Amino acid sequence: MTVTIEAPKNIAETIIEEFRHTGEFQVVVQPDAKAPDAPFLIAAPDGIRIHDLTEQHRKAAQALKPMQRTGQAKLDDLDSIIEWTNRFKGKETVLFGQLHPTPKLVSVIDYHGEGAFTVSPDMGDPTANYGRHTALYTFPVSQEWKRWNAISGQPLSKDEFGEFIEENAKDFLDPTPALLGMGAGDPTPWEQRMIDVAAKIQGRFGQYAALAALSREFRVHETGHLQVTTNRDTGETQVQFLDEHRGPDGQPLRLPNLFMIAIPVFEEGALYRLAVRFRYRKAGQDVKFFATLYNPDAALRDAAREALTIAHEGTNVPLLIGTPEIGAR
């Protein structure tokens, strides 16, 4: 008599053999609370092949509701990004502020968790996040800021200069007694700042009315000689007329070379006081006027830092100056 002894089967072979008889599928692995990103794999009776249903499972799971908050909101004002951050913030939320080249603010709701990273074989780094839920606010400069920067340092004819200052009369501030050297007591911080500016460039502040009258009535009579000077730092050559520019009455012209404006740097932002350097140059029969903003980059940085501080205080989440390494930027 012949006796047939079957070789022992391993677990996989036993499952496959059993499936052939029952005709049912077996779940090999599926996502759960501990591993939500695990694939969804089953073994089916058709030849007992492995079928990857991960994509179909995830689509079905998110048919009515997403599994994770993702995307970037683009906000149009500072209050909105503060409100948005407060709506979604958690313990990992971080604000990133950027000053150059364009001021902007990014709120990353699901930033990496705080503390040193630790990597385990089964769970990886539990503090790691993708940074997929973010908001962006790019500080929009005001229309006033655009207009003044457009003409800053550019030669303007008498008519062009007159039209510009009349159309933007609301931006002008007349100098206070402290700026004219007639104030009693200590100047305010902003007045002291303007006094320092005037001292640096040997300037004298003028009033809006004087500029308006100047643009309408300016007539120059050349009665003297010229002095040519060169700025060794910039290489710019300037022509200065020595007391030869006199008014129709023959008296030397006394023109201010500084005036002051107050304009918002950003849309709907606070007003910033800026000094504007004023000069003119006679070219043949024409006179060109120049109005140049004094150190506008400093005002832009100050306005951006002030706005970032408001956002930090309004959300009570960490503020970092820079760009996040993860998520939408």
C-alpha atoms as a PDB file:
ATOM      1  CA  MET A   1       0.000   0.000   0.000  1.00  0.00           C
ATOM      2  CA  THR A   2       1.252   3.443  -0.968  1.00  0.00           C
ATOM      3  CA  VAL A   3       0.855   6.220   1.580  1.00  0.00           C
ATOM      4  CA  THR A   4       0.970   9.855   0.384  1.00  0.00           C
ATOM      5  CA  ILE A   5       2.233  12.331   2.910  1.00  0.00           C
ATOM      6  CA  GLU A   6       1.423  15.991   2.113  1.00  0.00           C
ATOM      7  CA  ALA A   7       3.962  18.609   2.919  1.00  0.00           C
ATOM      8  CA  PRO A   8       2.835  21.029   5.627  1.00  0.00           C
ATOM      9  CA  LYS A   9       1.395  24.332   4.374  1.00  0.00           C
ATOM     10  CA  ASN A  10       2.277  27.767   5.672  1.00  0.00           C
ATOM     11  CA  ILE A  11      -0.384  30.228   6.812  1.00  0.00           C
ATOM     12  CA  ALA A  12      -0.587  32.034   3.454  1.00  0.00           C
ATOM     13  CA  GLU A  13      -1.082  28.784   1.565  1.00  0.00           C
ATOM     14  CA  THR A  14      -3.732  27.705   4.051  1.00  0.00           C
ATOM     15  CA  ILE A  15      -5.637  31.029   3.621  1.00  0.00           C
ATOM     16  CA  ILE A  16      -5.451  30.752  -0.155  1.00  0.00           C
ATOM     17  CA  GLU A  17      -6.585  27.157  -0.101  1.00  0.00           C
ATOM     18  CA  GLU A  18      -9.457  28.016   2.200  1.00  0.00           C
ATOM     19  CA  PHE A  19     -10.522  30.948  -0.031  1.00  0.00           C
ATOM     20  CA  ARG A  20     -10.763  28.626  -2.988  1.00  0.00           C
ATOM     21  CA  HIS A  21     -13.447  26.767  -1.140  1.00  0.00           C
ATOM     22  CA  THR A  22     -15.340  29.636   0.458  1.00  0.00           C
ATOM     23  CA  GLY A  23     -15.149  32.125  -2.444  1.00  0.00           C
ATOM     24  CA  GLU A  24     -14.897  35.075  -0.033  1.00  0.00           C
ATOM     25  CA  PHE A  25     -12.326  37.869   0.043  1.00  0.00           C
ATOM     26  CA  GLN A  26     -10.031  38.626   2.930  1.00  0.00           C
ATOM     27  CA  VAL A  27      -8.978  42.105   4.101  1.00  0.00           C
ATOM     28  CA  VAL A  28      -5.203  42.105   4.224  1.00  0.00           C
ATOM     29  CA  VAL A  29      -4.701  45.657   5.549  1.00  0.00           C
ATOM     30  CA  GLN A  30      -6.874  48.743   5.863  1.00  0.00           C
ATOM     31  CA  PRO A  31      -6.666  52.252   7.359  1.00  0.00           C
ATOM     32  CA  ASP A  32      -7.620  52.685  10.988  1.00  0.00           C
ATOM     33  CA  ALA A  33      -7.341  55.326  13.711  1.00  0.00           C
ATOM     34  CA  LYS A  34      -3.682  54.493  14.375  1.00  0.00           C
ATOM     35  CA  ALA A  35      -2.702  54.380  10.702  1.00  0.00           C
ATOM     36  CA  PRO A  36      -5.149  56.575   8.699  1.00  0.00           C
ATOM     37  CA  ASP A  37      -2.773  56.669   5.707  1.00  0.00           C
ATOM     38  CA  ALA A  38      -2.412  52.866   5.449  1.00  0.00           C
ATOM     39  CA  PRO A  39      -3.383  51.284   2.100  1.00  0.00           C
ATOM     40  CA  PHE A  40      -6.604  49.299   1.662  1.00  0.00           C
ATOM     41  CA  LEU A  41      -5.635  45.800   0.418  1.00  0.00           C
ATOM     42  CA  ILE A  42      -7.798  42.694  -0.007  1.00  0.00           C
ATOM     43  CA  ALA A  43      -7.222  39.151  -1.264  1.00  0.00           C
ATOM     44  CA  ALA A  44      -9.995  38.075  -3.662  1.00  0.00           C
ATOM     45  CA  PRO A  45     -10.907  34.487  -4.696  1.00  0.00           C
ATOM     46  CA  ASP A  46     -10.171  35.099  -8.400  1.00  0.00           C
ATOM     47  CA  GLY A  47      -6.801  33.393  -8.396  1.00  0.00           C
ATOM     48  CA  ILE A  48      -6.284  34.776  -4.884  1.00  0.00           C
ATOM     49  CA  ARG A  49      -4.689  37.939  -6.180  1.00  0.00           C
ATOM     50  CA  ILE A  50      -3.966  41.044  -4.142  1.00  0.00           C
ATOM     51  CA  HIS A  51      -6.105  44.053  -5.158  1.00  0.00           C
ATOM     52  CA  ASP A  52      -5.103  47.602  -4.181  1.00  0.00           C
ATOM     53  CA  LEU A  53      -8.284  49.554  -3.451  1.00  0.00           C
ATOM     54  CA  THR A  54      -6.525  52.444  -1.688  1.00  0.00           C
ATOM     55  CA  GLU A  55      -7.468  55.127  -4.217  1.00  0.00           C
ATOM     56  CA  GLN A  56     -11.076  53.993  -4.491  1.00  0.00           C
ATOM     57  CA  HIS A  57     -11.378  53.804  -0.716  1.00  0.00           C
ATOM     58  CA  ARG A  58     -10.021  57.312  -0.195  1.00  0.00           C
ATOM     59  CA  LYS A  59     -12.290  58.762  -2.878  1.00  0.00           C
ATOM     60  CA  ALA A  60     -15.291  57.097  -1.298  1.00  0.00           C
ATOM     61  CA  ALA A  61     -14.284  58.261   2.174  1.00  0.00           C
ATOM     62  CA  GLN A  62     -14.001  61.891   0.970  1.00  0.00           C
ATOM     63  CA  ALA A  63     -17.058  61.900  -1.279  1.00  0.00           C
ATOM     64  CA  LEU A  64     -19.031  64.020   1.174  1.00  0.00           C
ATOM     65  CA  LYS A  65     -16.333  65.345   3.509  1.00  0.00           C
ATOM     66  CA  PRO A  66     -12.539  65.813   3.181  1.00  0.00           C
ATOM     67  CA  MET A  67     -10.294  63.873   5.511  1.00  0.00           C
ATOM     68  CA  GLN A  68      -7.915  66.800   6.065  1.00  0.00           C
ATOM     69  CA  ARG A  69      -8.033  70.584   5.880  1.00  0.00           C
ATOM     70  CA  THR A  70      -5.909  71.754   2.953  1.00  0.00           C
ATOM     71  CA  GLY A  71      -5.504  74.764   0.689  1.00  0.00           C
ATOM     72  CA  GLN A  72      -4.470  78.386   0.945  1.00  0.00           C
ATOM     73  CA  ALA A  73      -6.817  81.280   1.636  1.00  0.00           C
ATOM     74  CA  LYS A  74      -5.833  84.650   0.172  1.00  0.00           C
ATOM     75  CA  LEU A  75      -7.002  87.496   2.406  1.00  0.00           C
ATOM     76  CA  ASP A  76      -7.373  91.130   1.398  1.00  0.00           C
ATOM     77  CA  ASP A  77      -6.796  92.939   4.693  1.00  0.00           C
ATOM     78  CA  LEU A  78      -4.974  92.468   7.972  1.00  0.00           C
ATOM     79  CA  ASP A  79      -8.124  92.042  10.074  1.00  0.00           C
ATOM     80  CA  SER A  80      -9.252  89.160   7.869  1.00  0.00           C
ATOM     81  CA  ILE A  81      -6.077  87.093   8.263  1.00  0.00           C
ATOM     82  CA  ILE A  82      -6.209  87.681  12.024  1.00  0.00           C
ATOM     83  CA  GLU A  83      -9.838  86.499  12.115  1.00  0.00           C
ATOM     84  CA  TRP A  84      -9.044  83.525   9.845  1.00  0.00           C
ATOM     85  CA  THR A  85      -6.109  82.451  12.019  1.00  0.00           C
ATOM     86  CA  ASN A  86      -8.170  82.689  15.204  1.00  0.00           C
ATOM     87  CA  ARG A  87     -10.880  80.562  13.595  1.00  0.00           C
ATOM     88  CA  PHE A  88      -8.580  77.618  12.807  1.00  0.00           C
ATOM     89  CA  LYS A  89      -5.504  77.984  15.026  1.00  0.00           C
ATOM     90  CA  GLY A  90      -4.152  75.165  17.173  1.00  0.00           C
ATOM     91  CA  LYS A  91      -1.074  74.633  19.297  1.00  0.00           C
ATOM     92  CA  GLU A  92       1.070  74.131  16.154  1.00  0.00           C
ATOM     93  CA  THR A  93      -0.076  77.302  14.344  1.00  0.00           C
ATOM     94  CA  VAL A  94       2.682  79.774  13.395  1.00  0.00           C
ATOM     95  CA  LEU A  95       2.749  83.135  11.569  1.00  0.00           C
ATOM     96  CA  PHE A  96       5.554  83.877   9.102  1.00  0.00           C
ATOM     97  CA  GLY A  97       6.208  87.515   8.201  1.00  0.00           C
ATOM     98  CA  GLN A  98       8.324  88.711   5.297  1.00  0.00           C
ATOM     99  CA  LEU A  99       9.670  92.245   4.812  1.00  0.00           C
ATOM    100  CA  HIS A 100      11.664  91.897   1.581  1.00  0.00           C
ATOM    101  CA  PRO A 101      11.248  92.089  -1.316  1.00  0.00           C
ATOM    102  CA  THR A 102       7.485  92.447  -0.783  1.00  0.00           C
ATOM    103  CA  PRO A 103       5.890  92.540   2.675  1.00  0.00           C
ATOM    104  CA  LYS A 104       3.547  89.616   3.278  1.00  0.00           C
ATOM    105  CA  LEU A 105       2.157  87.454   6.055  1.00  0.00           C
ATOM    106  CA  VAL A 106       1.597  83.671   5.929  1.00  0.00           C
ATOM    107  CA  SER A 107      -0.433  81.809   8.551  1.00  0.00           C
ATOM    108  CA  VAL A 108       0.362  78.072   8.745  1.00  0.00           C
ATOM    109  CA  ILE A 109      -2.288  76.314  10.809  1.00  0.00           C
ATOM    110  CA  ASP A 110      -0.766  72.806  10.757  1.00  0.00           C
ATOM    111  CA  TYR A 111       2.914  73.667  11.173  1.00  0.00           C
ATOM    112  CA  HIS A 112       5.391  71.183  12.687  1.00  0.00           C
ATOM    113  CA  GLY A 113       4.866  70.534  16.393  1.00  0.00           C
ATOM    114  CA  GLU A 114       7.164  72.141  18.936  1.00  0.00           C
ATOM    115  CA  GLY A 115      10.214  70.324  20.319  1.00  0.00           C
ATOM    116  CA  ALA A 116      13.007  68.100  19.032  1.00  0.00           C
ATOM    117  CA  PHE A 117      11.987  65.462  16.529  1.00  0.00           C
ATOM    118  CA  THR A 118      11.992  61.753  17.337  1.00  0.00           C
ATOM    119  CA  VAL A 119      11.489  59.055  14.718  1.00  0.00           C
ATOM    120  CA  SER A 120      10.029  55.667  15.620  1.00  0.00           C
ATOM    121  CA  PRO A 121       9.910  52.701  13.205  1.00  0.00           C
ATOM    122  CA  ASP A 122       6.131  52.385  13.282  1.00  0.00           C
ATOM    123  CA  MET A 123       4.831  55.973  13.718  1.00  0.00           C
ATOM    124  CA  GLY A 124       7.693  58.074  12.341  1.00  0.00           C
ATOM    125  CA  ASP A 125       7.881  61.607  13.817  1.00  0.00           C
ATOM    126  CA  PRO A 126       4.604  62.319  15.633  1.00  0.00           C
ATOM    127  CA  THR A 127       5.278  66.094  15.595  1.00  0.00           C
ATOM    128  CA  ALA A 128       5.688  66.324  11.807  1.00  0.00           C
ATOM    129  CA  ASN A 129       2.948  68.028   9.743  1.00  0.00           C
ATOM    130  CA  TYR A 130       2.556  68.856   6.071  1.00  0.00           C
ATOM    131  CA  GLY A 131       1.639  72.529   6.497  1.00  0.00           C
ATOM    132  CA  ARG A 132      -1.178  72.228   3.979  1.00  0.00           C
ATOM    133  CA  HIS A 133      -3.683  74.590   5.612  1.00  0.00           C
ATOM    134  CA  THR A 134      -2.444  78.153   5.170  1.00  0.00           C
ATOM    135  CA  ALA A 135      -3.505  81.733   4.522  1.00  0.00           C
ATOM    136  CA  LEU A 136      -1.632  84.491   2.687  1.00  0.00           C
ATOM    137  CA  TYR A 137      -1.882  88.261   3.019  1.00  0.00           C
ATOM    138  CA  THR A 138       0.268  90.363   0.694  1.00  0.00           C
ATOM    139  CA  PHE A 139       0.281  93.907   2.029  1.00  0.00           C
ATOM    140  CA  PRO A 140      -1.269  96.081  -0.717  1.00  0.00           C
ATOM    141  CA  VAL A 141       0.350  99.510  -0.879  1.00  0.00           C
ATOM    142  CA  SER A 142      -2.054 102.437  -0.927  1.00  0.00           C
ATOM    143  CA  GLN A 143      -2.929 104.504  -3.982  1.00  0.00           C
ATOM    144  CA  GLU A 144      -1.314 107.511  -2.297  1.00  0.00           C
ATOM    145  CA  TRP A 145       1.914 105.558  -1.851  1.00  0.00           C
ATOM    146  CA  LYS A 146       1.882 104.589  -5.534  1.00  0.00           C
ATOM    147  CA  ARG A 147       1.278 108.165  -6.692  1.00  0.00           C
ATOM    148  CA  TRP A 148       4.038 109.737  -4.618  1.00  0.00           C
ATOM    149  CA  ASN A 149       6.560 107.038  -5.487  1.00  0.00           C
ATOM    150  CA  ALA A 150       5.728 107.435  -9.179  1.00  0.00           C
ATOM    151  CA  ILE A 151       6.822 111.097  -9.210  1.00  0.00           C
ATOM    152  CA  SER A 152       9.583 110.816  -6.590  1.00  0.00           C
ATOM    153  CA  GLY A 153      12.814 112.161  -8.079  1.00  0.00           C
ATOM    154  CA  GLN A 154      11.256 112.716 -11.514  1.00  0.00           C
ATOM    155  CA  PRO A 155      11.526 116.095 -13.297  1.00  0.00           C
ATOM    156  CA  LEU A 156       8.159 117.856 -13.509  1.00  0.00           C
ATOM    157  CA  SER A 157       7.228 120.965 -15.412  1.00  0.00           C
ATOM    158  CA  LYS A 158       5.621 123.870 -13.574  1.00  0.00           C
ATOM    159  CA  ASP A 159       2.178 122.817 -14.777  1.00  0.00           C
ATOM    160  CA  GLU A 160       2.747 119.129 -13.962  1.00  0.00           C
ATOM    161  CA  PHE A 161       3.990 119.959 -10.494  1.00  0.00           C
ATOM    162  CA  GLY A 162       1.117 122.372  -9.864  1.00  0.00           C
ATOM    163  CA  GLU A 163      -1.523 119.877 -10.983  1.00  0.00           C
ATOM    164  CA  PHE A 164      -0.006 117.144  -8.828  1.00  0.00           C
ATOM    165  CA  ILE A 165       0.114 119.114  -5.596  1.00  0.00           C
ATOM    166  CA  GLU A 166      -3.404 120.490  -6.154  1.00  0.00           C
ATOM    167  CA  GLU A 167      -4.830 117.021  -6.839  1.00  0.00           C
ATOM    168  CA  ASN A 168      -3.099 115.671  -3.724  1.00  0.00           C
ATOM    169  CA  ALA A 169      -3.588 118.649  -1.426  1.00  0.00           C
ATOM    170  CA  LYS A 170      -5.122 116.416   1.263  1.00  0.00           C
ATOM    171  CA  ASP A 171      -1.760 114.655   1.722  1.00  0.00           C
ATOM    172  CA  PHE A 172       0.120 117.783   2.837  1.00  0.00           C
ATOM    173  CA  LEU A 173       0.861 118.750   6.419  1.00  0.00           C
ATOM    174  CA  ASP A 174       1.961 122.244   7.317  1.00  0.00           C
ATOM    175  CA  PRO A 175       5.029 122.361   9.600  1.00  0.00           C
ATOM    176  CA  THR A 176       4.366 122.854  13.281  1.00  0.00           C
ATOM    177  CA  PRO A 177       6.027 125.703  15.238  1.00  0.00           C
ATOM    178  CA  ALA A 178       8.599 123.190  16.498  1.00  0.00           C
ATOM    179  CA  LEU A 179       9.635 122.379  12.918  1.00  0.00           C
ATOM    180  CA  LEU A 180       9.920 126.077  12.151  1.00  0.00           C
ATOM    181  CA  GLY A 181      12.093 126.630  15.213  1.00  0.00           C
ATOM    182  CA  MET A 182       9.451 128.655  16.992  1.00  0.00           C
ATOM    183  CA  GLY A 183       8.027 126.041  19.357  1.00  0.00           C
ATOM    184  CA  ALA A 184       8.148 126.340  23.117  1.00  0.00           C
ATOM    185  CA  GLY A 185       8.958 123.223  25.087  1.00  0.00           C
ATOM    186  CA  ASP A 186      10.236 119.870  23.921  1.00  0.00           C
ATOM    187  CA  PRO A 187       9.154 118.592  20.486  1.00  0.00           C
ATOM    188  CA  THR A 188       7.129 115.385  20.189  1.00  0.00           C
ATOM    189  CA  PRO A 189       8.952 112.225  18.995  1.00  0.00           C
ATOM    190  CA  TRP A 190       7.725 112.609  15.427  1.00  0.00           C
ATOM    191  CA  GLU A 191       8.613 116.307  15.394  1.00  0.00           C
ATOM    192  CA  GLN A 192      12.100 115.473  16.640  1.00  0.00           C
ATOM    193  CA  ARG A 193      12.425 112.898  13.871  1.00  0.00           C
ATOM    194  CA  MET A 194      11.553 115.534  11.262  1.00  0.00           C
ATOM    195  CA  ILE A 195      13.905 118.039  12.881  1.00  0.00           C
ATOM    196  CA  ASP A 196      16.698 115.455  12.623  1.00  0.00           C
ATOM    197  CA  VAL A 197      15.887 114.882   8.937  1.00  0.00           C
ATOM    198  CA  ALA A 198      16.051 118.610   8.238  1.00  0.00           C
ATOM    199  CA  ALA A 199      19.375 118.869  10.052  1.00  0.00           C
ATOM    200  CA  LYS A 200      20.900 116.005   8.060  1.00  0.00           C
ATOM    201  CA  ILE A 201      20.116 117.536   4.692  1.00  0.00           C
ATOM    202  CA  GLN A 202      20.272 121.196   5.792  1.00  0.00           C
ATOM    203  CA  GLY A 203      16.600 121.529   4.974  1.00  0.00           C
ATOM    204  CA  ARG A 204      13.891 124.010   5.765  1.00  0.00           C
ATOM    205  CA  PHE A 205      10.220 123.021   5.860  1.00  0.00           C
ATOM    206  CA  GLY A 206       7.682 124.959   3.829  1.00  0.00           C
ATOM    207  CA  GLN A 207       3.913 125.217   3.806  1.00  0.00           C
ATOM    208  CA  TYR A 208       1.516 123.855   1.220  1.00  0.00           C
ATOM    209  CA  ALA A 209       0.242 127.338   0.343  1.00  0.00           C
ATOM    210  CA  ALA A 210       3.757 128.447  -0.567  1.00  0.00           C
ATOM    211  CA  LEU A 211       4.238 125.459  -2.865  1.00  0.00           C
ATOM    212  CA  ALA A 212       0.871 126.001  -4.536  1.00  0.00           C
ATOM    213  CA  ALA A 213       1.667 129.658  -5.158  1.00  0.00           C
ATOM    214  CA  LEU A 214       5.134 128.736  -6.369  1.00  0.00           C
ATOM    215  CA  SER A 215       3.794 126.322  -8.992  1.00  0.00           C
ATOM    216  CA  ARG A 216       1.368 128.954 -10.309  1.00  0.00           C
ATOM    217  CA  GLU A 217       3.575 132.043 -10.308  1.00  0.00           C
ATOM    218  CA  PHE A 218       7.166 130.814 -10.525  1.00  0.00           C
ATOM    219  CA  ARG A 219       9.168 133.045 -12.872  1.00  0.00           C
ATOM    220  CA  VAL A 220      12.962 132.996 -12.799  1.00  0.00           C
ATOM    221  CA  HIS A 221      15.310 135.758 -13.797  1.00  0.00           C
ATOM    222  CA  GLU A 222      18.952 134.791 -14.167  1.00  0.00           C
ATOM    223  CA  THR A 223      21.245 137.508 -12.823  1.00  0.00           C
ATOM    224  CA  GLY A 224      24.295 135.659 -11.527  1.00  0.00           C
ATOM    225  CA  HIS A 225      26.614 132.758 -12.183  1.00  0.00           C
ATOM    226  CA  LEU A 226      26.533 128.977 -11.737  1.00  0.00           C
ATOM    227  CA  GLN A 227      28.201 126.556  -9.353  1.00  0.00           C
ATOM    228  CA  VAL A 228      28.601 122.931 -10.432  1.00  0.00           C
ATOM    229  CA  THR A 229      28.870 120.329  -7.655  1.00  0.00           C
ATOM    230  CA  THR A 230      29.276 116.564  -7.821  1.00  0.00           C
ATOM    231  CA  ASN A 231      28.032 114.084  -5.254  1.00  0.00           C
ATOM    232  CA  ARG A 232      31.004 111.788  -4.687  1.00  0.00           C
ATOM    233  CA  ASP A 233      28.779 109.003  -3.335  1.00  0.00           C
ATOM    234  CA  THR A 234      26.354 108.799  -6.269  1.00  0.00           C
ATOM    235  CA  GLY A 235      28.316 110.520  -9.035  1.00  0.00           C
ATOM    236  CA  GLU A 236      25.350 112.841  -9.661  1.00  0.00           C
ATOM    237  CA  THR A 237      26.199 116.313 -10.904  1.00  0.00           C
ATOM    238  CA  GLN A 238      24.001 119.215  -9.841  1.00  0.00           C
ATOM    239  CA  VAL A 239      23.906 122.777 -11.041  1.00  0.00           C
ATOM    240  CA  GLN A 240      23.235 125.377  -8.366  1.00  0.00           C
ATOM    241  CA  PHE A 241      22.421 129.003  -9.197  1.00  0.00           C
ATOM    242  CA  LEU A 242      24.008 131.411  -6.705  1.00  0.00           C
ATOM    243  CA  ASP A 243      21.433 134.037  -5.666  1.00  0.00           C
ATOM    244  CA  GLU A 244      20.725 134.694  -9.341  1.00  0.00           C
ATOM    245  CA  HIS A 245      17.184 133.379  -9.165  1.00  0.00           C
ATOM    246  CA  ARG A 246      15.140 136.355  -8.182  1.00  0.00           C
ATOM    247  CA  GLY A 247      11.464 137.045  -8.194  1.00  0.00           C
ATOM    248  CA  PRO A 248       9.802 139.657 -10.385  1.00  0.00           C
ATOM    249  CA  ASP A 249      10.506 142.223  -7.656  1.00  0.00           C
ATOM    250  CA  GLY A 250      14.260 141.564  -7.967  1.00  0.00           C
ATOM    251  CA  GLN A 251      14.609 140.061  -4.497  1.00  0.00           C
ATOM    252  CA  PRO A 252      16.421 136.705  -4.050  1.00  0.00           C
ATOM    253  CA  LEU A 253      14.019 133.772  -3.886  1.00  0.00           C
ATOM    254  CA  ARG A 254      13.746 132.024  -0.532  1.00  0.00           C
ATOM    255  CA  LEU A 255      12.405 128.562  -1.305  1.00  0.00           C
ATOM    256  CA  PRO A 256      11.881 125.751   1.185  1.00  0.00           C
ATOM    257  CA  ASN A 257      13.643 122.529   0.278  1.00  0.00           C
ATOM    258  CA  LEU A 258      11.457 120.298   2.435  1.00  0.00           C
ATOM    259  CA  PHE A 259       7.778 119.772   2.935  1.00  0.00           C
ATOM    260  CA  MET A 260       5.802 117.159   4.787  1.00  0.00           C
ATOM    261  CA  ILE A 261       3.046 114.732   3.790  1.00  0.00           C
ATOM    262  CA  ALA A 262       0.970 112.180   5.702  1.00  0.00           C
ATOM    263  CA  ILE A 263      -0.165 109.170   3.650  1.00  0.00           C
ATOM    264  CA  PRO A 264      -1.003 105.517   4.348  1.00  0.00           C
ATOM    265  CA  VAL A 265       1.685 103.071   3.304  1.00  0.00           C
ATOM    266  CA  PHE A 266      -0.819 100.210   2.954  1.00  0.00           C
ATOM    267  CA  GLU A 267      -4.470 100.260   1.942  1.00  0.00           C
ATOM    268  CA  GLU A 268      -6.680 101.264   4.878  1.00  0.00           C
ATOM    269  CA  GLY A 269      -3.559 101.572   7.015  1.00  0.00           C
ATOM    270  CA  ALA A 270      -2.440 104.265   9.386  1.00  0.00           C
ATOM    271  CA  LEU A 271      -1.052 107.548   8.063  1.00  0.00           C
ATOM    272  CA  TYR A 272       2.740 107.948   8.044  1.00  0.00           C
ATOM    273  CA  ARG A 273       4.465 111.302   8.089  1.00  0.00           C
ATOM    274  CA  LEU A 274       7.101 111.564   5.379  1.00  0.00           C
ATOM    275  CA  ALA A 275       9.554 114.304   4.535  1.00  0.00           C
ATOM    276  CA  VAL A 276       9.727 115.230   0.850  1.00  0.00           C
ATOM    277  CA  ARG A 277      12.798 116.960  -0.556  1.00  0.00           C
ATOM    278  CA  PHE A 278      12.019 119.764  -2.959  1.00  0.00           C
ATOM    279  CA  ARG A 279      14.351 121.332  -5.492  1.00  0.00           C
ATOM    280  CA  TYR A 280      14.193 122.966  -8.887  1.00  0.00           C
ATOM    281  CA  ARG A 281      16.553 123.271 -11.807  1.00  0.00           C
ATOM    282  CA  LYS A 282      16.544 125.813 -14.622  1.00  0.00           C
ATOM    283  CA  ALA A 283      17.130 124.236 -18.030  1.00  0.00           C
ATOM    284  CA  GLY A 284      17.211 126.906 -20.716  1.00  0.00           C
ATOM    285  CA  GLN A 285      13.884 128.686 -20.648  1.00  0.00           C
ATOM    286  CA  ASP A 286      12.230 125.917 -18.637  1.00  0.00           C
ATOM    287  CA  VAL A 287      12.212 125.173 -14.937  1.00  0.00           C
ATOM    288  CA  LYS A 288      11.948 121.586 -13.705  1.00  0.00           C
ATOM    289  CA  PHE A 289      10.677 120.712 -10.245  1.00  0.00           C
ATOM    290  CA  PHE A 290      11.716 117.636  -8.262  1.00  0.00           C
ATOM    291  CA  ALA A 291       9.834 116.178  -5.271  1.00  0.00           C
ATOM    292  CA  THR A 292      11.710 113.227  -3.757  1.00  0.00           C
ATOM    293  CA  LEU A 293      10.463 111.104  -0.860  1.00  0.00           C
ATOM    294  CA  TYR A 294      13.051 110.980   1.899  1.00  0.00           C
ATOM    295  CA  ASN A 295      13.935 107.381   2.877  1.00  0.00           C
ATOM    296  CA  PRO A 296      10.603 105.754   1.877  1.00  0.00           C
ATOM    297  CA  ASP A 297      11.988 102.223   2.429  1.00  0.00           C
ATOM    298  CA  ALA A 298      12.217 102.898   6.156  1.00  0.00           C
ATOM    299  CA  ALA A 299       8.546 103.886   6.255  1.00  0.00           C
ATOM    300  CA  LEU A 300       7.614 100.736   4.330  1.00  0.00           C
ATOM    301  CA  ARG A 301       9.544  98.521   6.766  1.00  0.00           C
ATOM    302  CA  ASP A 302       8.131 100.311   9.813  1.00  0.00           C
ATOM    303  CA  ALA A 303       4.563  99.980   8.529  1.00  0.00           C
ATOM    304  CA  ALA A 304       5.069  96.277   7.772  1.00  0.00           C
ATOM    305  CA  ARG A 305       6.604  95.559  11.187  1.00  0.00           C
ATOM    306  CA  GLU A 306       3.794  97.425  12.919  1.00  0.00           C
ATOM    307  CA  ALA A 307       1.206  95.374  11.004  1.00  0.00           C
ATOM    308  CA  LEU A 308       3.013  92.122  11.835  1.00  0.00           C
ATOM    309  CA  THR A 309       3.025  93.081  15.521  1.00  0.00           C
ATOM    310  CA  ILE A 310      -0.727  93.734  15.364  1.00  0.00           C
ATOM    311  CA  ALA A 311      -1.243  90.282  13.808  1.00  0.00           C
ATOM    312  CA  HIS A 312       0.928  88.620  16.457  1.00  0.00           C
ATOM    313  CA  GLU A 313      -0.921  90.304  19.311  1.00  0.00           C
ATOM    314  CA  GLY A 314      -4.302  89.699  17.695  1.00  0.00           C
ATOM    315  CA  THR A 315      -3.764  85.937  17.291  1.00  0.00           C
ATOM    316  CA  ASN A 316      -1.431  85.144  20.202  1.00  0.00           C
ATOM    317  CA  VAL A 317       0.527  82.658  18.079  1.00  0.00           C
ATOM    318  CA  PRO A 318       4.306  82.709  17.394  1.00  0.00           C
ATOM    319  CA  LEU A 319       5.529  85.167  14.748  1.00  0.00           C
ATOM    320  CA  LEU A 320       8.669  84.336  12.783  1.00  0.00           C
ATOM    321  CA  ILE A 321      10.277  86.618  10.196  1.00  0.00           C
ATOM    322  CA  GLY A 322      11.022  84.503   7.161  1.00  0.00           C
ATOM    323  CA  THR A 323       9.502  81.858   4.890  1.00  0.00           C
ATOM    324  CA  PRO A 324       8.070  78.493   6.025  1.00  0.00           C
ATOM    325  CA  GLU A 325       9.904  75.427   4.741  1.00  0.00           C
ATOM    326  CA  ILE A 326       6.689  73.447   4.282  1.00  0.00           C
ATOM    327  CA  GLY A 327       3.282  74.067   2.780  1.00  0.00           C
ATOM    328  CA  ALA A 328       2.091  76.730   0.388  1.00  0.00           C
ATOM    329  CA  ARG A 329       4.108  79.944   0.385  1.00  0.00           C
END
